[in-house]
Amino acid sequence: MQGNVTADDVAEAAGVSRWTVNRAFKKDASISPKTRSRVMAAAQSLGYVPDLHAAALASTRSNLVALLIDDFANPHKLVMLERLTRALRSRGWDTLLVNTLDPDDAAPALLNASQRRVDATILIGLQFDDEVLRTAHLARRFKKLIIFARGSEDPNTISICVDDEAATREIARYVLARGYQRPFYLAGPRTTSAHLMRKETFMRAWNENRGSTPGSAAVAAYDPLLSAQIVYETFHDTRREDIPDIIVCENDALALGAIDTIRHRLGLEVPGDVAVIGFDDVPQAASPNYQLTTYRQPITDMANYLVDVLESREAKNLDRMFLGRLVVRESA
């Protein structure tokens, strides 16, 4: 056939109306299996695919979400991206992916997303602070603004995340039960919104049980190379007896970098000299090189719930925190 194949062409070939063709391509439309099969056979023979943009204009829903993500040095971001897009695609949602490269990109990226016909915007990253979120809400173009894998105190966002405090208390109980005496906490960036409460929770739990506050350091990004450098700078001049017996890390990216430095730059053994605990359970954590003890987030369950939120007519009281589990391996 010459030119673009239209719904009218399919209707003529299948011997049905154009509206029947449109219904055949809608998942929940009322149409008999026999008629749908005839329409699909005609569409396949003609090479017809529906115009999703035109369908969205005729509907109140586009089935398109904007996914804004940063911090790709963190391997857990790739896990989240894979699970999220899998859950979205399995239920008929498409994704507009925006990589926010640095803090100055966050506000323009949100405003750009607000100009698209998307049903929701999902934020995964570090750079969406209070000021950026206020800018987004002033645009008043978002149906739903979701922060994934982080808690947020902003009342206009929907937060879907692991219960950081419960998870960190479990980690602290494990460290105490194993008899470690000199913990050190390696934290990530200290953002003003969508903030992780892992460091604060661990410090409080340790102080309540041992009456002391562990040492700590912060890394500017969830990057194994930056983490490795910070650990080296912190401990390379430290006497052996003053080096911590365990480093508790805010996530696995920091833990992987810490293990590399402990072994290859400080000349110590993991866990014989220094144990290490992470958070997330990225694929590298189970490798023979690391065998990292870590807290596994239920990312698949969280992603499926996010799609439930997208399909819900409700706009409030949709925040949810999930529980994961501690995965014990050789590093601690």
C-alpha atoms as a PDB file:
ATOM      1  CA  MET A   1       0.000   0.000   0.000  1.00  0.00           C
ATOM      2  CA  GLN A   2       1.112   3.554  -0.697  1.00  0.00           C
ATOM      3  CA  GLY A   3       1.257   6.079   2.159  1.00  0.00           C
ATOM      4  CA  ASN A   4       0.430   5.466   5.821  1.00  0.00           C
ATOM      5  CA  VAL A   5      -1.957   2.687   6.703  1.00  0.00           C
ATOM      6  CA  THR A   6      -4.904   4.052   8.676  1.00  0.00           C
ATOM      7  CA  ALA A   7      -7.580   2.633  10.931  1.00  0.00           C
ATOM      8  CA  ASP A   8     -10.002   3.075   8.027  1.00  0.00           C
ATOM      9  CA  ASP A   9      -7.880   0.729   5.892  1.00  0.00           C
ATOM     10  CA  VAL A  10      -7.938  -1.900   8.639  1.00  0.00           C
ATOM     11  CA  ALA A  11     -11.683  -1.461   9.109  1.00  0.00           C
ATOM     12  CA  GLU A  12     -12.316  -2.033   5.401  1.00  0.00           C
ATOM     13  CA  ALA A  13     -10.073  -5.115   5.323  1.00  0.00           C
ATOM     14  CA  ALA A  14     -11.685  -6.612   8.440  1.00  0.00           C
ATOM     15  CA  GLY A  15     -15.237  -5.667   7.495  1.00  0.00           C
ATOM     16  CA  VAL A  16     -15.839  -3.644  10.663  1.00  0.00           C
ATOM     17  CA  SER A  17     -16.211   0.012  11.611  1.00  0.00           C
ATOM     18  CA  ARG A  18     -13.323   2.312  12.395  1.00  0.00           C
ATOM     19  CA  TRP A  19     -14.525   2.511  16.011  1.00  0.00           C
ATOM     20  CA  THR A  20     -14.325  -1.269  16.276  1.00  0.00           C
ATOM     21  CA  VAL A  21     -10.692  -1.064  15.162  1.00  0.00           C
ATOM     22  CA  ASN A  22     -10.005   1.517  17.864  1.00  0.00           C
ATOM     23  CA  ARG A  23     -11.638  -0.671  20.511  1.00  0.00           C
ATOM     24  CA  ALA A  24      -9.618  -3.697  19.412  1.00  0.00           C
ATOM     25  CA  PHE A  25      -6.411  -1.901  20.403  1.00  0.00           C
ATOM     26  CA  LYS A  26      -7.699  -0.901  23.840  1.00  0.00           C
ATOM     27  CA  LYS A  27      -6.891  -3.431  26.548  1.00  0.00           C
ATOM     28  CA  ASP A  28     -10.151  -3.144  28.479  1.00  0.00           C
ATOM     29  CA  ALA A  29     -12.551  -2.270  25.655  1.00  0.00           C
ATOM     30  CA  SER A  30     -15.771  -4.224  25.128  1.00  0.00           C
ATOM     31  CA  ILE A  31     -15.235  -6.338  21.994  1.00  0.00           C
ATOM     32  CA  SER A  32     -15.686 -10.034  21.240  1.00  0.00           C
ATOM     33  CA  PRO A  33     -12.550 -12.193  20.984  1.00  0.00           C
ATOM     34  CA  LYS A  34     -13.559 -13.227  17.451  1.00  0.00           C
ATOM     35  CA  THR A  35     -13.862  -9.641  16.239  1.00  0.00           C
ATOM     36  CA  ARG A  36     -10.655  -8.579  17.945  1.00  0.00           C
ATOM     37  CA  SER A  37      -8.838 -11.481  16.293  1.00  0.00           C
ATOM     38  CA  ARG A  38     -10.171 -10.477  12.858  1.00  0.00           C
ATOM     39  CA  VAL A  39      -9.092  -6.867  13.361  1.00  0.00           C
ATOM     40  CA  MET A  40      -5.618  -7.873  14.551  1.00  0.00           C
ATOM     41  CA  ALA A  41      -5.146 -10.194  11.576  1.00  0.00           C
ATOM     42  CA  ALA A  42      -6.081  -7.393   9.183  1.00  0.00           C
ATOM     43  CA  ALA A  43      -3.809  -4.933  10.990  1.00  0.00           C
ATOM     44  CA  GLN A  44      -0.869  -7.340  10.824  1.00  0.00           C
ATOM     45  CA  SER A  45      -1.359  -8.044   7.129  1.00  0.00           C
ATOM     46  CA  LEU A  46      -1.444  -4.305   6.369  1.00  0.00           C
ATOM     47  CA  GLY A  47       1.401  -3.397   8.716  1.00  0.00           C
ATOM     48  CA  TYR A  48      -0.816  -1.097  10.758  1.00  0.00           C
ATOM     49  CA  VAL A  49       0.154   0.259  14.181  1.00  0.00           C
ATOM     50  CA  PRO A  50      -2.036   2.723  16.091  1.00  0.00           C
ATOM     51  CA  ASP A  51      -0.934   6.333  16.484  1.00  0.00           C
ATOM     52  CA  LEU A  52      -0.274   6.553  20.213  1.00  0.00           C
ATOM     53  CA  HIS A  53       0.020  10.347  20.165  1.00  0.00           C
ATOM     54  CA  ALA A  54      -3.362  10.741  18.517  1.00  0.00           C
ATOM     55  CA  ALA A  55      -4.881   8.225  20.914  1.00  0.00           C
ATOM     56  CA  ALA A  56      -3.495  10.156  23.869  1.00  0.00           C
ATOM     57  CA  LEU A  57      -4.979  13.427  22.596  1.00  0.00           C
ATOM     58  CA  ALA A  58      -8.382  11.772  22.486  1.00  0.00           C
ATOM     59  CA  SER A  59      -7.996  10.417  26.024  1.00  0.00           C
ATOM     60  CA  THR A  60      -7.516  11.888  29.472  1.00  0.00           C
ATOM     61  CA  ARG A  61      -4.427   9.686  29.913  1.00  0.00           C
ATOM     62  CA  SER A  62      -1.279   9.424  27.817  1.00  0.00           C
ATOM     63  CA  ASN A  63       0.210   6.322  29.510  1.00  0.00           C
ATOM     64  CA  LEU A  64       3.536   8.139  29.376  1.00  0.00           C
ATOM     65  CA  VAL A  65       5.666   8.988  32.421  1.00  0.00           C
ATOM     66  CA  ALA A  66       8.753  11.179  32.613  1.00  0.00           C
ATOM     67  CA  LEU A  67      11.587   9.485  34.498  1.00  0.00           C
ATOM     68  CA  LEU A  68      14.250  11.929  35.724  1.00  0.00           C
ATOM     69  CA  ILE A  69      17.395  10.208  36.979  1.00  0.00           C
ATOM     70  CA  ASP A  70      20.948  11.139  37.910  1.00  0.00           C
ATOM     71  CA  ASP A  71      23.960   9.619  39.652  1.00  0.00           C
ATOM     72  CA  PHE A  72      24.722   6.874  37.133  1.00  0.00           C
ATOM     73  CA  ALA A  73      28.007   6.085  38.898  1.00  0.00           C
ATOM     74  CA  ASN A  74      25.819   4.337  41.462  1.00  0.00           C
ATOM     75  CA  PRO A  75      25.178   0.789  40.139  1.00  0.00           C
ATOM     76  CA  HIS A  76      21.885   0.608  42.025  1.00  0.00           C
ATOM     77  CA  LYS A  77      20.419   3.239  39.685  1.00  0.00           C
ATOM     78  CA  LEU A  78      20.681   0.779  36.798  1.00  0.00           C
ATOM     79  CA  VAL A  79      18.888  -1.870  38.860  1.00  0.00           C
ATOM     80  CA  MET A  80      16.086   0.566  39.679  1.00  0.00           C
ATOM     81  CA  LEU A  81      15.847   1.693  36.061  1.00  0.00           C
ATOM     82  CA  GLU A  82      15.568  -1.906  34.824  1.00  0.00           C
ATOM     83  CA  ARG A  83      12.915  -2.894  37.376  1.00  0.00           C
ATOM     84  CA  LEU A  84      10.879   0.256  36.895  1.00  0.00           C
ATOM     85  CA  THR A  85      10.803   0.136  33.108  1.00  0.00           C
ATOM     86  CA  ARG A  86       9.990  -3.587  33.213  1.00  0.00           C
ATOM     87  CA  ALA A  87       7.026  -2.968  35.541  1.00  0.00           C
ATOM     88  CA  LEU A  88       5.840  -0.005  33.486  1.00  0.00           C
ATOM     89  CA  ARG A  89       6.062  -1.768  30.121  1.00  0.00           C
ATOM     90  CA  SER A  90       4.339  -4.911  31.410  1.00  0.00           C
ATOM     91  CA  ARG A  91       1.277  -2.809  32.191  1.00  0.00           C
ATOM     92  CA  GLY A  92       1.207  -0.636  29.090  1.00  0.00           C
ATOM     93  CA  TRP A  93       3.179   2.433  30.223  1.00  0.00           C
ATOM     94  CA  ASP A  94       5.932   4.137  28.248  1.00  0.00           C
ATOM     95  CA  THR A  95       8.830   6.164  29.614  1.00  0.00           C
ATOM     96  CA  LEU A  96      10.434   9.476  28.700  1.00  0.00           C
ATOM     97  CA  LEU A  97      13.941   9.196  30.185  1.00  0.00           C
ATOM     98  CA  VAL A  98      15.783  12.366  31.211  1.00  0.00           C
ATOM     99  CA  ASN A  99      19.346  12.228  32.563  1.00  0.00           C
ATOM    100  CA  THR A 100      19.848  15.199  34.905  1.00  0.00           C
ATOM    101  CA  LEU A 101      23.602  15.572  34.672  1.00  0.00           C
ATOM    102  CA  ASP A 102      24.204  18.062  37.486  1.00  0.00           C
ATOM    103  CA  PRO A 103      22.241  20.137  40.021  1.00  0.00           C
ATOM    104  CA  ASP A 104      21.700  22.969  37.532  1.00  0.00           C
ATOM    105  CA  ASP A 105      19.865  20.538  35.232  1.00  0.00           C
ATOM    106  CA  ALA A 106      17.246  19.481  37.773  1.00  0.00           C
ATOM    107  CA  ALA A 107      14.883  22.486  37.695  1.00  0.00           C
ATOM    108  CA  PRO A 108      14.962  22.931  33.868  1.00  0.00           C
ATOM    109  CA  ALA A 109      14.425  19.184  33.422  1.00  0.00           C
ATOM    110  CA  LEU A 110      11.366  19.261  35.675  1.00  0.00           C
ATOM    111  CA  LEU A 111       9.931  22.260  33.868  1.00  0.00           C
ATOM    112  CA  ASN A 112      10.587  20.591  30.519  1.00  0.00           C
ATOM    113  CA  ALA A 113       8.808  17.464  31.711  1.00  0.00           C
ATOM    114  CA  SER A 114       5.848  19.572  32.832  1.00  0.00           C
ATOM    115  CA  GLN A 115       5.442  20.787  29.244  1.00  0.00           C
ATOM    116  CA  ARG A 116       5.118  17.247  27.934  1.00  0.00           C
ATOM    117  CA  ARG A 117       1.855  15.359  28.016  1.00  0.00           C
ATOM    118  CA  VAL A 118       2.895  12.930  30.720  1.00  0.00           C
ATOM    119  CA  ASP A 119       0.677  11.384  33.370  1.00  0.00           C
ATOM    120  CA  ALA A 120       3.340  11.548  36.077  1.00  0.00           C
ATOM    121  CA  THR A 121       6.939  12.496  36.710  1.00  0.00           C
ATOM    122  CA  ILE A 122       9.173  10.087  38.638  1.00  0.00           C
ATOM    123  CA  LEU A 123      12.300  11.391  40.341  1.00  0.00           C
ATOM    124  CA  ILE A 124      15.230   9.102  41.125  1.00  0.00           C
ATOM    125  CA  GLY A 125      18.294  10.896  42.383  1.00  0.00           C
ATOM    126  CA  LEU A 126      20.005  13.380  44.644  1.00  0.00           C
ATOM    127  CA  GLN A 127      19.401  16.719  42.993  1.00  0.00           C
ATOM    128  CA  PHE A 128      15.718  17.296  43.666  1.00  0.00           C
ATOM    129  CA  ASP A 129      15.906  19.508  46.735  1.00  0.00           C
ATOM    130  CA  ASP A 130      13.155  21.632  48.287  1.00  0.00           C
ATOM    131  CA  GLU A 131      13.730  24.578  45.952  1.00  0.00           C
ATOM    132  CA  VAL A 132      13.549  22.392  42.851  1.00  0.00           C
ATOM    133  CA  LEU A 133      10.352  20.721  44.056  1.00  0.00           C
ATOM    134  CA  ARG A 134       8.750  24.097  44.774  1.00  0.00           C
ATOM    135  CA  THR A 135       9.604  25.188  41.235  1.00  0.00           C
ATOM    136  CA  ALA A 136       7.969  22.057  39.898  1.00  0.00           C
ATOM    137  CA  HIS A 137       4.766  22.638  41.832  1.00  0.00           C
ATOM    138  CA  LEU A 138       4.549  26.261  40.730  1.00  0.00           C
ATOM    139  CA  ALA A 139       4.287  24.992  37.157  1.00  0.00           C
ATOM    140  CA  ARG A 140       1.041  23.207  38.188  1.00  0.00           C
ATOM    141  CA  ARG A 141       1.343  20.839  35.239  1.00  0.00           C
ATOM    142  CA  PHE A 142       2.062  17.580  37.067  1.00  0.00           C
ATOM    143  CA  LYS A 143      -0.719  15.112  37.683  1.00  0.00           C
ATOM    144  CA  LYS A 144       1.522  13.129  40.031  1.00  0.00           C
ATOM    145  CA  LEU A 145       5.075  13.823  41.175  1.00  0.00           C
ATOM    146  CA  ILE A 146       6.683  10.657  42.584  1.00  0.00           C
ATOM    147  CA  ILE A 147       9.995  10.320  44.417  1.00  0.00           C
ATOM    148  CA  PHE A 148      11.206   6.735  44.096  1.00  0.00           C
ATOM    149  CA  ALA A 149      13.528   4.965  46.565  1.00  0.00           C
ATOM    150  CA  ARG A 150      13.796   8.006  48.833  1.00  0.00           C
ATOM    151  CA  GLY A 151      11.583   9.515  51.473  1.00  0.00           C
ATOM    152  CA  SER A 152      10.490  13.126  51.127  1.00  0.00           C
ATOM    153  CA  GLU A 153       8.911  15.581  53.521  1.00  0.00           C
ATOM    154  CA  ASP A 154       7.406  17.590  50.665  1.00  0.00           C
ATOM    155  CA  PRO A 155       3.608  17.286  51.056  1.00  0.00           C
ATOM    156  CA  ASN A 156       3.003  17.584  47.316  1.00  0.00           C
ATOM    157  CA  THR A 157       5.036  14.548  46.326  1.00  0.00           C
ATOM    158  CA  ILE A 158       4.353  10.819  46.529  1.00  0.00           C
ATOM    159  CA  SER A 159       7.203   8.929  48.167  1.00  0.00           C
ATOM    160  CA  ILE A 160       7.800   5.219  47.502  1.00  0.00           C
ATOM    161  CA  CYS A 161      10.798   3.918  49.403  1.00  0.00           C
ATOM    162  CA  VAL A 162      12.254   1.396  51.803  1.00  0.00           C
ATOM    163  CA  ASP A 163      11.827   2.093  55.514  1.00  0.00           C
ATOM    164  CA  ASP A 164      15.348   3.440  56.051  1.00  0.00           C
ATOM    165  CA  GLU A 165      15.036   3.690  59.818  1.00  0.00           C
ATOM    166  CA  ALA A 166      13.773   0.134  60.275  1.00  0.00           C
ATOM    167  CA  ALA A 167      16.429  -1.175  57.872  1.00  0.00           C
ATOM    168  CA  THR A 168      19.254   0.683  59.592  1.00  0.00           C
ATOM    169  CA  ARG A 169      18.103  -0.447  63.045  1.00  0.00           C
ATOM    170  CA  GLU A 170      18.345  -4.024  61.770  1.00  0.00           C
ATOM    171  CA  ILE A 171      21.879  -3.340  60.533  1.00  0.00           C
ATOM    172  CA  ALA A 172      22.804  -1.778  63.878  1.00  0.00           C
ATOM    173  CA  ARG A 173      21.433  -4.779  65.785  1.00  0.00           C
ATOM    174  CA  TYR A 174      23.522  -7.081  63.602  1.00  0.00           C
ATOM    175  CA  VAL A 175      26.710  -5.045  64.153  1.00  0.00           C
ATOM    176  CA  LEU A 176      26.105  -5.022  67.914  1.00  0.00           C
ATOM    177  CA  ALA A 177      25.295  -8.742  68.040  1.00  0.00           C
ATOM    178  CA  ARG A 178      28.491  -9.630  66.170  1.00  0.00           C
ATOM    179  CA  GLY A 179      30.568  -7.831  68.786  1.00  0.00           C
ATOM    180  CA  TYR A 180      32.119  -5.063  66.706  1.00  0.00           C
ATOM    181  CA  GLN A 181      33.579  -2.306  68.883  1.00  0.00           C
ATOM    182  CA  ARG A 182      34.803   0.511  66.605  1.00  0.00           C
ATOM    183  CA  PRO A 183      32.288   1.208  63.822  1.00  0.00           C
ATOM    184  CA  PHE A 184      32.742   3.973  61.294  1.00  0.00           C
ATOM    185  CA  TYR A 185      29.860   5.293  59.176  1.00  0.00           C
ATOM    186  CA  LEU A 186      30.477   6.210  55.526  1.00  0.00           C
ATOM    187  CA  ALA A 187      27.612   8.422  54.315  1.00  0.00           C
ATOM    188  CA  GLY A 188      26.645   9.777  50.930  1.00  0.00           C
ATOM    189  CA  PRO A 189      25.645  13.304  49.898  1.00  0.00           C
ATOM    190  CA  ARG A 190      23.669  15.226  52.510  1.00  0.00           C
ATOM    191  CA  THR A 191      20.680  16.550  50.541  1.00  0.00           C
ATOM    192  CA  THR A 192      18.048  18.870  52.043  1.00  0.00           C
ATOM    193  CA  SER A 193      15.075  16.986  50.629  1.00  0.00           C
ATOM    194  CA  ALA A 194      14.477  13.349  49.730  1.00  0.00           C
ATOM    195  CA  HIS A 195      17.016  12.658  52.443  1.00  0.00           C
ATOM    196  CA  LEU A 196      18.119   9.223  53.603  1.00  0.00           C
ATOM    197  CA  MET A 197      17.953   8.784  57.389  1.00  0.00           C
ATOM    198  CA  ARG A 198      20.460   5.943  57.538  1.00  0.00           C
ATOM    199  CA  LYS A 199      23.428   7.717  59.112  1.00  0.00           C
ATOM    200  CA  GLU A 200      21.322   9.451  61.770  1.00  0.00           C
ATOM    201  CA  THR A 201      19.538   6.216  62.654  1.00  0.00           C
ATOM    202  CA  PHE A 202      22.776   4.213  62.984  1.00  0.00           C
ATOM    203  CA  MET A 203      24.426   6.896  65.119  1.00  0.00           C
ATOM    204  CA  ARG A 204      21.421   7.062  67.421  1.00  0.00           C
ATOM    205  CA  ALA A 205      21.163   3.271  67.766  1.00  0.00           C
ATOM    206  CA  TRP A 206      24.863   2.921  68.561  1.00  0.00           C
ATOM    207  CA  ASN A 207      24.780   5.750  71.091  1.00  0.00           C
ATOM    208  CA  GLU A 208      21.741   4.256  72.825  1.00  0.00           C
ATOM    209  CA  ASN A 209      23.505   0.898  73.198  1.00  0.00           C
ATOM    210  CA  ARG A 210      27.159   1.876  73.727  1.00  0.00           C
ATOM    211  CA  GLY A 211      26.988   5.483  74.903  1.00  0.00           C
ATOM    212  CA  SER A 212      29.380   6.741  72.215  1.00  0.00           C
ATOM    213  CA  THR A 213      29.156   8.251  68.750  1.00  0.00           C
ATOM    214  CA  PRO A 214      31.002   6.492  65.901  1.00  0.00           C
ATOM    215  CA  GLY A 215      33.270   8.384  63.565  1.00  0.00           C
ATOM    216  CA  SER A 216      31.938   9.222  60.110  1.00  0.00           C
ATOM    217  CA  ALA A 217      32.713  10.775  56.766  1.00  0.00           C
ATOM    218  CA  ALA A 218      30.596  11.864  53.791  1.00  0.00           C
ATOM    219  CA  VAL A 219      31.222  11.213  50.102  1.00  0.00           C
ATOM    220  CA  ALA A 220      30.007  13.824  47.598  1.00  0.00           C
ATOM    221  CA  ALA A 221      28.412  11.232  45.283  1.00  0.00           C
ATOM    222  CA  TYR A 222      27.498   7.561  45.340  1.00  0.00           C
ATOM    223  CA  ASP A 223      30.584   6.722  43.335  1.00  0.00           C
ATOM    224  CA  PRO A 224      32.921   3.802  44.227  1.00  0.00           C
ATOM    225  CA  LEU A 225      35.979   5.747  43.055  1.00  0.00           C
ATOM    226  CA  LEU A 226      35.156   8.759  45.240  1.00  0.00           C
ATOM    227  CA  SER A 227      34.420   6.456  48.149  1.00  0.00           C
ATOM    228  CA  ALA A 228      37.746   4.683  47.719  1.00  0.00           C
ATOM    229  CA  GLN A 229      39.568   8.010  47.823  1.00  0.00           C
ATOM    230  CA  ILE A 230      37.753   9.249  50.929  1.00  0.00           C
ATOM    231  CA  VAL A 231      38.473   6.012  52.810  1.00  0.00           C
ATOM    232  CA  TYR A 232      42.149   6.260  51.862  1.00  0.00           C
ATOM    233  CA  GLU A 233      42.416   9.907  52.913  1.00  0.00           C
ATOM    234  CA  THR A 234      40.687   9.147  56.206  1.00  0.00           C
ATOM    235  CA  PHE A 235      42.755   6.144  57.290  1.00  0.00           C
ATOM    236  CA  HIS A 236      46.104   6.020  55.476  1.00  0.00           C
ATOM    237  CA  ASP A 237      47.909   7.765  58.376  1.00  0.00           C
ATOM    238  CA  THR A 238      45.870   6.066  61.126  1.00  0.00           C
ATOM    239  CA  ARG A 239      47.561   3.709  63.566  1.00  0.00           C
ATOM    240  CA  ARG A 240      46.525   0.081  63.066  1.00  0.00           C
ATOM    241  CA  GLU A 241      44.883  -0.165  66.477  1.00  0.00           C
ATOM    242  CA  ASP A 242      42.761   2.936  65.766  1.00  0.00           C
ATOM    243  CA  ILE A 243      41.362   1.772  62.432  1.00  0.00           C
ATOM    244  CA  PRO A 244      37.660   0.811  62.741  1.00  0.00           C
ATOM    245  CA  ASP A 245      36.796  -2.862  62.905  1.00  0.00           C
ATOM    246  CA  ILE A 246      33.724  -2.287  60.682  1.00  0.00           C
ATOM    247  CA  ILE A 247      32.688   0.355  58.142  1.00  0.00           C
ATOM    248  CA  VAL A 248      28.930   0.704  57.733  1.00  0.00           C
ATOM    249  CA  CYS A 249      28.131   2.276  54.358  1.00  0.00           C
ATOM    250  CA  GLU A 250      25.037   4.169  53.287  1.00  0.00           C
ATOM    251  CA  ASN A 251      24.885   2.161  50.087  1.00  0.00           C
ATOM    252  CA  ASP A 252      26.718  -0.508  48.121  1.00  0.00           C
ATOM    253  CA  ALA A 253      28.539   1.909  45.802  1.00  0.00           C
ATOM    254  CA  LEU A 254      30.336   3.342  48.819  1.00  0.00           C
ATOM    255  CA  ALA A 255      30.954  -0.130  50.240  1.00  0.00           C
ATOM    256  CA  LEU A 256      32.566  -1.417  47.023  1.00  0.00           C
ATOM    257  CA  GLY A 257      34.967   1.518  46.972  1.00  0.00           C
ATOM    258  CA  ALA A 258      35.751   1.049  50.663  1.00  0.00           C
ATOM    259  CA  ILE A 259      36.611  -2.632  50.165  1.00  0.00           C
ATOM    260  CA  ASP A 260      38.903  -1.812  47.229  1.00  0.00           C
ATOM    261  CA  THR A 261      40.879   0.704  49.309  1.00  0.00           C
ATOM    262  CA  ILE A 262      41.049  -1.474  52.429  1.00  0.00           C
ATOM    263  CA  ARG A 263      42.533  -4.339  50.440  1.00  0.00           C
ATOM    264  CA  HIS A 264      44.648  -2.683  47.768  1.00  0.00           C
ATOM    265  CA  ARG A 265      45.784   0.638  49.270  1.00  0.00           C
ATOM    266  CA  LEU A 266      45.761   0.059  53.022  1.00  0.00           C
ATOM    267  CA  GLY A 267      46.973  -3.541  52.755  1.00  0.00           C
ATOM    268  CA  LEU A 268      44.340  -4.907  55.132  1.00  0.00           C
ATOM    269  CA  GLU A 269      41.941  -7.830  54.918  1.00  0.00           C
ATOM    270  CA  VAL A 270      38.150  -7.844  54.644  1.00  0.00           C
ATOM    271  CA  PRO A 271      36.680  -8.974  56.974  1.00  0.00           C
ATOM    272  CA  GLY A 272      39.740 -10.098  58.992  1.00  0.00           C
ATOM    273  CA  ASP A 273      40.949  -6.557  59.753  1.00  0.00           C
ATOM    274  CA  VAL A 274      37.995  -4.398  58.718  1.00  0.00           C
ATOM    275  CA  ALA A 275      34.483  -5.637  58.015  1.00  0.00           C
ATOM    276  CA  VAL A 276      32.156  -3.774  55.612  1.00  0.00           C
ATOM    277  CA  ILE A 277      28.376  -3.563  55.318  1.00  0.00           C
ATOM    278  CA  GLY A 278      26.490  -1.953  52.430  1.00  0.00           C
ATOM    279  CA  PHE A 279      22.897  -1.173  51.513  1.00  0.00           C
ATOM    280  CA  ASP A 280      20.936  -2.079  48.326  1.00  0.00           C
ATOM    281  CA  ASP A 281      22.316  -5.486  47.256  1.00  0.00           C
ATOM    282  CA  VAL A 282      23.504  -4.513  43.787  1.00  0.00           C
ATOM    283  CA  PRO A 283      24.562  -7.384  41.475  1.00  0.00           C
ATOM    284  CA  GLN A 284      28.278  -6.811  42.220  1.00  0.00           C
ATOM    285  CA  ALA A 285      27.648  -7.414  45.925  1.00  0.00           C
ATOM    286  CA  ALA A 286      27.343 -11.169  45.389  1.00  0.00           C
ATOM    287  CA  SER A 287      30.478 -11.462  43.269  1.00  0.00           C
ATOM    288  CA  PRO A 288      33.491 -13.404  44.639  1.00  0.00           C
ATOM    289  CA  ASN A 289      35.478 -10.153  44.710  1.00  0.00           C
ATOM    290  CA  TYR A 290      33.217  -8.553  47.313  1.00  0.00           C
ATOM    291  CA  GLN A 291      30.795 -11.026  48.945  1.00  0.00           C
ATOM    292  CA  LEU A 292      29.210  -7.956  50.511  1.00  0.00           C
ATOM    293  CA  THR A 293      26.864  -8.129  53.483  1.00  0.00           C
ATOM    294  CA  THR A 294      24.107  -5.677  52.613  1.00  0.00           C
ATOM    295  CA  TYR A 295      20.458  -4.752  53.026  1.00  0.00           C
ATOM    296  CA  ARG A 296      18.333  -5.750  50.024  1.00  0.00           C
ATOM    297  CA  GLN A 297      15.655  -3.296  48.962  1.00  0.00           C
ATOM    298  CA  PRO A 298      12.464  -4.885  47.505  1.00  0.00           C
ATOM    299  CA  ILE A 299      12.769  -2.908  44.271  1.00  0.00           C
ATOM    300  CA  THR A 300      10.422  -5.130  42.251  1.00  0.00           C
ATOM    301  CA  ASP A 301       7.616  -4.737  44.810  1.00  0.00           C
ATOM    302  CA  MET A 302       8.270  -0.996  44.963  1.00  0.00           C
ATOM    303  CA  ALA A 303       8.156  -0.701  41.157  1.00  0.00           C
ATOM    304  CA  ASN A 304       4.895  -2.633  40.937  1.00  0.00           C
ATOM    305  CA  TYR A 305       3.355  -0.404  43.593  1.00  0.00           C
ATOM    306  CA  LEU A 306       4.463   2.669  41.640  1.00  0.00           C
ATOM    307  CA  VAL A 307       2.417   1.444  38.668  1.00  0.00           C
ATOM    308  CA  ASP A 308      -0.521   0.912  41.035  1.00  0.00           C
ATOM    309  CA  VAL A 309      -0.145   4.565  42.039  1.00  0.00           C
ATOM    310  CA  LEU A 310      -0.129   5.658  38.402  1.00  0.00           C
ATOM    311  CA  GLU A 311      -3.343   3.772  37.742  1.00  0.00           C
ATOM    312  CA  SER A 312      -5.057   4.959  40.919  1.00  0.00           C
ATOM    313  CA  ARG A 313      -7.573   7.781  40.761  1.00  0.00           C
ATOM    314  CA  GLU A 314      -6.459   8.868  44.205  1.00  0.00           C
ATOM    315  CA  ALA A 315      -3.923  11.673  44.544  1.00  0.00           C
ATOM    316  CA  LYS A 316      -3.355  11.669  48.322  1.00  0.00           C
ATOM    317  CA  ASN A 317      -2.236   9.212  50.990  1.00  0.00           C
ATOM    318  CA  LEU A 318      -0.252   7.183  48.470  1.00  0.00           C
ATOM    319  CA  ASP A 319       3.140   7.292  50.226  1.00  0.00           C
ATOM    320  CA  ARG A 320       4.413   3.840  51.126  1.00  0.00           C
ATOM    321  CA  MET A 321       7.476   2.448  52.854  1.00  0.00           C
ATOM    322  CA  PHE A 322       8.635  -1.125  52.280  1.00  0.00           C
ATOM    323  CA  LEU A 323      10.723  -3.544  54.324  1.00  0.00           C
ATOM    324  CA  GLY A 324      13.608  -5.463  52.789  1.00  0.00           C
ATOM    325  CA  ARG A 325      16.015  -7.889  54.442  1.00  0.00           C
ATOM    326  CA  LEU A 326      19.626  -8.144  55.543  1.00  0.00           C
ATOM    327  CA  VAL A 327      21.695 -10.410  53.285  1.00  0.00           C
ATOM    328  CA  VAL A 328      24.699 -11.757  55.181  1.00  0.00           C
ATOM    329  CA  ARG A 329      27.857 -12.587  53.214  1.00  0.00           C
ATOM    330  CA  GLU A 330      31.553 -12.813  53.982  1.00  0.00           C
ATOM    331  CA  SER A 331      32.412  -9.075  54.221  1.00  0.00           C
ATOM    332  CA  ALA A 332      30.811  -8.848  57.681  1.00  0.00           C
END
